[in-house]
Amino acid sequence: NKNARNRARRRGAPVVGTVDRAEVWARDGGKCHICKRKCDPTKWHLDHLIALARGGKHSMDNVAVSHPVCNMRKGAVGPAQLRLGSVA
């Protein structure tokens, strides 16, 4: 989304292609990558696996579906990075 792209640019993070939220939702099966439970399709976060604040890029291979609470609880580091090995 536009806000995430702008945030990435401000932090000097590379923006690689476009991130399509519907495509991320379908790829992840609508499940939070942190707690593995189904998310509400109208209330979910696009979580950067490697946070923009830590130099992560805004790209399809660095984002995943998450519950807002799960995403905000982990902050800029945390369980998201454990998933990196399984990102398509």
Protein backbone atom coordinates (compact mmCIF):
# COMPACT_ATOMS: atom_id res chain seq x y z
CA ASN A 1 0.00 0.00 0.00
CA LYS A 2 1.03 3.59 -0.45
CA ASN A 3 1.70 4.23 3.26
CA ALA A 4 4.06 1.25 3.56
CA ARG A 5 5.92 2.30 0.39
CA ASN A 6 6.32 5.84 1.72
CA ARG A 7 7.48 4.56 5.11
CA ALA A 8 10.03 2.33 3.37
CA ARG A 9 11.35 5.23 1.31
CA ARG A 10 11.68 7.47 4.38
CA ARG A 11 13.71 4.78 6.12
CA GLY A 12 15.85 4.21 3.05
CA ALA A 13 14.50 0.66 2.63
CA PRO A 14 14.36 -0.68 -0.90
CA VAL A 15 10.91 -0.91 -2.49
CA VAL A 16 10.91 -3.98 -4.72
CA GLY A 17 7.91 -4.22 -7.04
CA THR A 18 4.40 -3.80 -5.78
CA VAL A 19 2.85 -5.52 -2.79
CA ASP A 20 -0.68 -6.68 -3.53
CA ARG A 21 -2.61 -7.18 -0.28
CA ALA A 22 -5.12 -9.54 -1.93
CA GLU A 23 -2.27 -11.67 -3.27
CA VAL A 24 -0.59 -11.80 0.15
CA TRP A 25 -3.92 -12.79 1.75
CA ALA A 26 -4.43 -15.60 -0.78
CA ARG A 27 -0.81 -16.81 -0.53
CA ASP A 28 -0.99 -16.97 3.28
CA GLY A 29 -4.49 -18.47 3.33
CA GLY A 30 -5.71 -15.59 5.49
CA LYS A 31 -3.79 -16.96 8.49
CA CYS A 32 -1.60 -14.96 10.83
CA HIS A 33 1.97 -16.11 10.31
CA ILE A 34 2.71 -15.49 14.01
CA CYS A 35 -0.10 -17.36 15.81
CA LYS A 36 -1.31 -19.44 12.81
CA ARG A 37 -4.98 -18.54 13.41
CA LYS A 38 -7.38 -17.18 10.80
CA CYS A 39 -7.54 -13.39 10.48
CA ASP A 40 -10.59 -11.23 9.86
CA PRO A 41 -10.42 -10.38 6.15
CA THR A 42 -11.38 -6.76 6.92
CA LYS A 43 -8.99 -6.23 9.86
CA TRP A 44 -5.47 -7.54 9.32
CA HIS A 45 -1.97 -6.15 9.08
CA LEU A 46 0.55 -6.51 6.33
CA ASP A 47 3.55 -7.43 8.48
CA HIS A 48 7.12 -6.94 7.26
CA LEU A 49 9.06 -10.09 8.20
CA ILE A 50 12.24 -8.07 8.45
CA ALA A 51 10.98 -4.75 9.76
CA LEU A 52 11.55 -1.63 7.68
CA ALA A 53 13.14 -0.19 10.82
CA ARG A 54 15.72 -3.02 10.66
CA GLY A 55 16.49 -2.53 6.97
CA GLY A 56 13.87 -4.88 5.51
CA LYS A 57 12.51 -4.23 2.04
CA HIS A 58 8.93 -3.55 1.03
CA SER A 59 8.38 -6.56 -1.24
CA MET A 60 6.13 -9.59 -1.60
CA ASP A 61 8.76 -11.92 -0.15
CA ASN A 62 9.13 -9.79 3.00
CA VAL A 63 5.46 -9.41 3.98
CA ALA A 64 2.87 -11.68 5.55
CA VAL A 65 -0.64 -11.62 7.00
CA SER A 66 -0.89 -10.97 10.74
CA HIS A 67 -3.44 -10.04 13.37
CA PRO A 68 -3.03 -6.40 14.38
CA VAL A 69 -2.43 -7.44 18.01
CA CYS A 70 0.18 -10.07 17.07
CA ASN A 71 1.99 -7.61 14.81
CA MET A 72 2.03 -4.74 17.30
CA ARG A 73 3.02 -7.00 20.20
CA LYS A 74 6.17 -8.24 18.44
CA GLY A 75 7.35 -4.77 17.39
CA ALA A 76 10.30 -4.43 15.01
CA VAL A 77 11.78 -7.82 15.91
CA GLY A 78 10.31 -11.12 16.89
CA PRO A 79 8.58 -14.26 15.66
CA ALA A 80 8.14 -12.96 12.11
CA GLN A 81 11.80 -13.53 11.40
CA LEU A 82 11.43 -17.24 12.19
CA ARG A 83 9.20 -17.59 9.11
CA LEU A 84 11.80 -16.28 6.67
CA GLY A 85 12.96 -19.74 5.64
CA SER A 86 9.46 -20.66 4.39
CA VAL A 87 8.64 -17.51 2.40
CA ALA A 88 7.93 -18.29 -1.25
